[in-house]
Amino acid sequence: MQSRLPPLKALRAFEAAARTCSFTRAAEELNVTQTAISHQVKVLEGWIGFRLFRRLNNALVLTEKGELYLPTVREAFDRLRESTDQLKGIDAGAVLTISALPNFALRWLVPRLPRFQALHPTMRIKLLTAPRALEALYDEIDVAIRLDGEAARLYFEPLFQGSMFPVMHPALYEDEGLRTPADLRRFTLLHVLNSLTDWRIWLTAAGVKRADVEKGPRFDSYALATEAACHRWGVAMAWGPFIDEDLRRGRLVAPFDLKILRERAWCLVYPRNVRKQKVELFRQWILAEAQAGPNASRVETQ
């Protein structure tokens, strides 16, 4: 008598191929050959009696029935992972893998993580800052911290919105006579490549007109731009609360009170239908840290 459950290997091959839209990438992920993935998909199609994939302009796409079947398969794997994690328990030295962007990790998360570790001393923490697609939340990582967005089956829970404002070396501030925002036209402005509108937005809000906001060196991160400001290269547009420690230690000063609230919030990202115990513990902790943190505006959820 045929089993009522499809073969597990075939289901894994189908889920990976559907998620990556590629037999080749699915094979790399599962450490098998492309032929093996193709074979397992055919086994599953034969078992259930209909096609799951089709080719469209050389691209691998799901059939209508494949699209209907995929959410059920994914949910089954999610529940299996969740149940396994719960049975293993966090006291057995579970690993919490966190993916965060470098600036967030270095300037905000790392200084606070020892407090979380003290609360859960048996949990091992793995913090990754190399670029990773959010699809890794289904396998490689447990939680991610990103700017708000949307993704199927993922929940973006707001932590806080940052604010942007100019910062500079204290000696540069004293020596060069910066007294009003209009005086910034005499200074070297430091820019961040993926946020080149920062200076224009802030200067406009400060009432400064006819400022040449295109001049000045450009960097690929806020960390580099603010470090350049620490060496008196110019005035950087900082992102609070990530600059708080430099301000507290006097490495930098904020010459003006005007702060522009960022439109996008930093969020904790995790799968919607899976709530691992270790993820829930981290979620509760980081939400409390975000609410208590200096210069971090808590975002209310609906």
Protein backbone atom coordinates (compact mmCIF):
# COMPACT_ATOMS: atom_id res chain seq x y z
CA MET A 1 0.00 0.00 0.00
CA GLN A 2 1.37 3.37 -1.01
CA SER A 3 2.26 5.75 1.83
CA ARG A 4 -0.08 8.72 2.21
CA LEU A 5 2.94 11.02 2.63
CA PRO A 6 5.13 12.06 -0.31
CA PRO A 7 8.86 11.23 -0.13
CA LEU A 8 10.73 13.68 2.10
CA LYS A 9 13.66 14.06 -0.32
CA ALA A 10 11.26 14.93 -3.12
CA LEU A 11 9.51 17.53 -0.98
CA ARG A 12 12.84 19.13 0.00
CA ALA A 13 13.90 19.28 -3.65
CA PHE A 14 10.58 20.87 -4.63
CA GLU A 15 10.69 23.48 -1.86
CA ALA A 16 14.29 24.47 -2.60
CA ALA A 17 13.71 24.66 -6.36
CA ALA A 18 10.53 26.70 -5.88
CA ARG A 19 12.25 29.10 -3.48
CA THR A 20 15.33 29.64 -5.65
CA CYS A 21 13.53 29.34 -9.01
CA SER A 22 16.41 27.16 -10.15
CA PHE A 23 17.30 23.47 -10.11
CA THR A 24 20.97 24.48 -10.12
CA ARG A 25 20.74 26.72 -7.04
CA ALA A 26 18.56 24.17 -5.26
CA ALA A 27 21.20 21.52 -5.95
CA GLU A 28 23.93 23.76 -4.53
CA GLU A 29 21.87 24.45 -1.42
CA LEU A 30 21.12 20.77 -0.76
CA ASN A 31 24.60 19.64 -1.79
CA VAL A 32 23.39 17.30 -4.54
CA THR A 33 23.52 17.36 -8.34
CA GLN A 34 21.13 19.23 -10.59
CA THR A 35 20.09 15.87 -12.04
CA ALA A 36 19.16 14.68 -8.55
CA ILE A 37 16.91 17.70 -8.01
CA SER A 38 15.24 17.19 -11.37
CA HIS A 39 14.73 13.50 -10.59
CA GLN A 40 13.23 14.17 -7.16
CA VAL A 41 10.84 16.75 -8.60
CA LYS A 42 9.70 14.20 -11.20
CA VAL A 43 9.23 11.64 -8.42
CA LEU A 44 6.99 14.08 -6.55
CA GLU A 45 5.07 14.99 -9.69
CA GLY A 46 4.49 11.30 -10.37
CA TRP A 47 3.40 10.72 -6.78
CA ILE A 48 0.81 13.52 -6.71
CA GLY A 49 -0.23 13.22 -10.34
CA PHE A 50 0.36 16.72 -11.73
CA ARG A 51 3.18 18.96 -12.89
CA LEU A 52 4.70 21.42 -10.43
CA PHE A 53 7.00 23.43 -12.71
CA ARG A 54 7.04 24.72 -16.25
CA ARG A 55 9.49 26.63 -18.39
CA LEU A 56 8.67 30.20 -19.40
CA ASN A 57 11.24 31.98 -21.57
CA ASN A 58 13.95 29.68 -20.18
CA ALA A 59 12.89 30.53 -16.61
CA LEU A 60 11.66 27.96 -14.11
CA VAL A 61 8.20 28.89 -12.82
CA LEU A 62 5.55 27.11 -10.80
CA THR A 63 2.40 25.82 -12.40
CA GLU A 64 -0.93 26.89 -10.95
CA LYS A 65 -1.12 23.71 -8.88
CA GLY A 66 2.52 24.13 -7.87
CA GLU A 67 1.72 27.58 -6.49
CA LEU A 68 -1.16 26.10 -4.51
CA TYR A 69 0.98 23.27 -3.15
CA LEU A 70 4.08 25.28 -2.17
CA PRO A 71 2.64 27.13 0.90
CA THR A 72 1.52 23.82 2.42
CA VAL A 73 4.94 22.25 1.92
CA ARG A 74 6.70 25.29 3.36
CA GLU A 75 4.44 25.41 6.39
CA ALA A 76 5.04 21.71 7.01
CA PHE A 77 8.82 22.22 6.98
CA ASP A 78 8.48 25.30 9.19
CA ARG A 79 6.43 23.40 11.74
CA LEU A 80 8.86 20.49 11.67
CA ARG A 81 11.80 22.85 12.33
CA GLU A 82 9.89 24.63 15.09
CA SER A 83 8.92 21.40 16.83
CA THR A 84 12.47 20.07 16.57
CA ASP A 85 13.89 23.27 18.04
CA GLN A 86 11.42 23.14 20.91
CA LEU A 87 12.29 19.53 21.68
CA LYS A 88 16.01 20.32 21.63
CA GLY A 89 15.40 23.25 23.97
CA ILE A 90 17.53 26.35 24.41
CA ASP A 91 19.29 25.01 27.51
CA ALA A 92 21.22 22.49 25.44
CA GLY A 93 23.43 25.21 24.00
CA ALA A 94 21.19 26.30 21.15
CA VAL A 95 22.70 28.70 18.62
CA LEU A 96 20.90 31.97 17.88
CA THR A 97 22.06 33.22 14.48
CA ILE A 98 21.47 36.93 13.88
CA SER A 99 21.97 38.76 10.60
CA ALA A 100 22.43 42.53 10.85
CA LEU A 101 23.91 45.25 8.69
CA PRO A 102 27.44 46.24 9.76
CA ASN A 103 26.65 49.73 11.07
CA PHE A 104 23.70 48.51 13.12
CA ALA A 105 25.67 45.58 14.49
CA LEU A 106 28.77 47.57 15.38
CA ARG A 107 27.16 50.74 16.72
CA TRP A 108 23.98 49.50 18.37
CA LEU A 109 23.68 45.74 18.76
CA VAL A 110 27.15 44.63 19.88
CA PRO A 111 27.30 47.03 22.88
CA ARG A 112 23.99 45.59 24.11
CA LEU A 113 24.36 41.88 23.34
CA PRO A 114 26.34 41.10 26.53
CA ARG A 115 23.16 41.89 28.47
CA PHE A 116 21.24 39.32 26.45
CA GLN A 117 24.02 36.78 26.90
CA ALA A 118 23.96 37.34 30.66
CA LEU A 119 20.23 36.55 30.70
CA HIS A 120 20.74 33.38 28.66
CA PRO A 121 24.28 32.15 29.37
CA THR A 122 23.81 28.73 27.75
CA MET A 123 22.69 30.16 24.43
CA ARG A 124 25.39 30.60 21.82
CA ILE A 125 25.16 33.75 19.72
CA LYS A 126 26.33 33.95 16.14
CA LEU A 127 26.27 37.46 14.65
CA LEU A 128 26.67 37.77 10.87
CA THR A 129 27.13 41.05 8.98
CA ALA A 130 27.98 39.77 5.50
CA PRO A 131 25.16 40.45 3.00
CA ARG A 132 22.49 37.76 3.13
CA ALA A 133 19.15 37.50 1.40
CA LEU A 134 16.18 37.30 3.74
CA GLU A 135 15.38 33.88 2.28
CA ALA A 136 18.15 32.64 4.59
CA LEU A 137 15.67 33.08 7.46
CA TYR A 138 14.19 29.75 6.43
CA ASP A 139 17.43 27.88 6.93
CA GLU A 140 20.71 29.67 7.74
CA ILE A 141 19.67 32.41 10.18
CA ASP A 142 17.07 32.79 12.92
CA VAL A 143 16.42 36.54 12.86
CA ALA A 144 17.51 39.51 10.79
CA ILE A 145 17.61 43.24 11.44
CA ARG A 146 16.83 45.37 8.42
CA LEU A 147 15.14 48.59 7.41
CA ASP A 148 11.41 48.13 7.02
CA GLY A 149 10.09 46.42 3.94
CA GLU A 150 7.85 43.63 2.77
CA ALA A 151 8.52 39.99 1.99
CA ALA A 152 6.22 37.02 1.66
CA ARG A 153 5.93 34.98 4.85
CA LEU A 154 8.18 37.36 6.81
CA TYR A 155 7.16 39.76 9.57
CA PHE A 156 8.94 43.10 9.98
CA GLU A 157 8.50 44.20 13.60
CA PRO A 158 9.54 47.86 14.10
CA LEU A 159 12.28 48.61 16.62
CA PHE A 160 12.93 52.33 16.20
CA GLN A 161 13.38 55.13 13.72
CA GLY A 162 16.70 56.87 13.60
CA SER A 163 17.32 60.57 13.07
CA MET A 164 19.92 62.33 10.96
CA PHE A 165 21.94 65.41 11.88
CA PRO A 166 25.41 66.87 11.19
CA VAL A 167 28.42 65.94 13.33
CA MET A 168 32.02 67.13 13.30
CA HIS A 169 35.26 67.11 15.26
CA PRO A 170 35.10 69.42 18.32
CA ALA A 171 38.28 71.26 17.31
CA LEU A 172 36.97 71.87 13.80
CA TYR A 173 33.80 73.27 15.30
CA GLU A 174 35.71 75.67 17.56
CA ASP A 175 38.41 76.71 15.09
CA GLU A 176 36.30 77.34 12.02
CA GLY A 177 33.52 79.39 13.58
CA LEU A 178 30.48 77.33 12.67
CA ARG A 179 27.57 79.25 14.17
CA THR A 180 24.58 78.84 11.84
CA PRO A 181 23.54 76.14 9.35
CA ALA A 182 24.33 78.56 6.52
CA ASP A 183 27.99 78.47 7.60
CA LEU A 184 28.13 74.85 6.41
CA ARG A 185 28.56 76.18 2.88
CA ARG A 186 32.19 76.88 3.83
CA PHE A 187 32.86 73.34 5.04
CA THR A 188 33.65 70.04 3.36
CA LEU A 189 30.53 67.90 3.44
CA LEU A 190 30.98 64.13 3.78
CA HIS A 191 28.48 61.98 1.88
CA VAL A 192 27.22 58.38 2.03
CA LEU A 193 26.75 56.83 -1.40
CA ASN A 194 23.34 55.24 -0.88
CA SER A 195 21.99 58.35 0.88
CA LEU A 196 23.18 61.24 -1.26
CA THR A 197 20.05 63.28 -0.55
CA ASP A 198 20.76 63.50 3.19
CA TRP A 199 22.49 66.87 3.08
CA ARG A 200 19.94 68.44 0.77
CA ILE A 201 17.08 67.29 3.01
CA TRP A 202 18.69 68.57 6.19
CA LEU A 203 19.87 71.91 4.77
CA THR A 204 16.45 72.56 3.26
CA ALA A 205 14.82 71.88 6.63
CA ALA A 206 17.35 74.26 8.22
CA GLY A 207 16.39 77.01 5.76
CA VAL A 208 19.73 77.04 3.92
CA LYS A 209 19.47 77.96 0.25
CA ARG A 210 21.95 77.81 -2.63
CA ALA A 211 24.23 75.33 -0.89
CA ASP A 212 26.53 73.21 -3.06
CA VAL A 213 25.59 69.82 -1.64
CA GLU A 214 27.40 67.89 -4.37
CA LYS A 215 30.89 68.74 -3.19
CA GLY A 216 32.89 66.60 -0.80
CA PRO A 217 34.14 63.00 -0.64
CA ARG A 218 31.78 60.04 -0.71
CA PHE A 219 31.82 56.84 1.35
CA ASP A 220 29.94 53.57 1.13
CA SER A 221 28.83 53.59 4.78
CA TYR A 222 27.88 55.95 7.58
CA ALA A 223 30.59 54.37 9.72
CA LEU A 224 33.29 55.49 7.29
CA ALA A 225 31.83 58.97 6.89
CA THR A 226 31.64 59.56 10.64
CA GLU A 227 35.13 58.15 11.14
CA ALA A 228 36.36 60.64 8.55
CA ALA A 229 34.65 63.38 10.56
CA CYS A 230 36.52 62.16 13.66
CA HIS A 231 39.74 62.92 11.77
CA ARG A 232 38.65 66.47 10.89
CA TRP A 233 38.09 65.70 7.21
CA GLY A 234 34.77 67.52 7.21
CA VAL A 235 31.21 67.45 8.49
CA ALA A 236 29.29 64.17 8.28
CA MET A 237 25.59 63.46 8.33
CA ALA A 238 25.22 60.98 11.18
CA TRP A 239 22.44 58.56 11.92
CA GLY A 240 21.26 58.50 15.51
CA PRO A 241 21.33 56.47 17.67
CA PHE A 242 24.42 54.91 16.10
CA ILE A 243 26.54 57.99 16.79
CA ASP A 244 25.56 58.36 20.46
CA GLU A 245 28.75 56.82 21.86
CA ASP A 246 31.01 59.14 19.81
CA LEU A 247 29.03 62.14 21.05
CA ARG A 248 29.16 60.95 24.63
CA ARG A 249 32.92 60.48 24.52
CA GLY A 250 33.48 63.83 22.85
CA ARG A 251 34.99 62.42 19.66
CA LEU A 252 32.32 64.32 17.74
CA VAL A 253 29.89 67.13 18.43
CA ALA A 254 26.48 67.92 16.98
CA PRO A 255 26.61 71.67 16.28
CA PHE A 256 22.85 72.10 15.77
CA ASP A 257 19.71 70.85 17.50
CA LEU A 258 17.79 70.14 14.29
CA LYS A 259 17.31 66.40 13.76
CA ILE A 260 15.35 64.90 10.89
CA LEU A 261 13.42 61.73 11.72
CA ARG A 262 14.11 58.95 9.25
CA GLU A 263 11.12 57.74 7.26
CA ARG A 264 12.11 54.08 7.46
CA ALA A 265 12.32 52.16 10.72
CA TRP A 266 14.77 49.49 11.75
CA CYS A 267 12.92 46.20 12.15
CA LEU A 268 13.37 42.75 13.57
CA VAL A 269 12.58 40.28 10.77
CA TYR A 270 11.48 36.68 11.28
CA PRO A 271 9.15 34.13 9.63
CA ARG A 272 5.47 34.81 10.25
CA ASN A 273 4.37 31.25 10.97
CA VAL A 274 7.32 30.10 13.06
CA ARG A 275 8.12 31.37 16.55
CA LYS A 276 11.09 29.48 17.95
CA GLN A 277 11.65 29.77 21.67
CA LYS A 278 15.09 31.31 21.24
CA VAL A 279 13.71 33.80 18.71
CA GLU A 280 10.91 34.81 21.06
CA LEU A 281 13.39 35.39 23.89
CA PHE A 282 15.54 37.56 21.64
CA ARG A 283 12.49 39.39 20.32
CA GLN A 284 11.27 40.34 23.79
CA TRP A 285 14.75 41.47 24.80
CA ILE A 286 15.53 43.59 21.74
CA LEU A 287 12.12 45.29 21.82
CA ALA A 288 12.78 46.32 25.41
CA GLU A 289 16.27 47.56 24.50
CA ALA A 290 14.91 49.56 21.57
CA GLN A 291 12.26 51.18 23.73
CA ALA A 292 14.76 52.10 26.43
CA GLY A 293 17.60 53.18 24.15
CA PRO A 294 18.65 56.84 24.00
CA ASN A 295 17.57 58.83 20.97
CA ALA A 296 15.67 55.84 19.60
CA SER A 297 12.05 56.68 18.84
CA ARG A 298 9.86 53.64 19.45
CA VAL A 299 7.51 52.92 16.56
CA GLU A 300 4.02 51.86 17.53
CA THR A 301 2.61 48.83 15.77
CA GLN A 302 -0.99 48.43 14.80
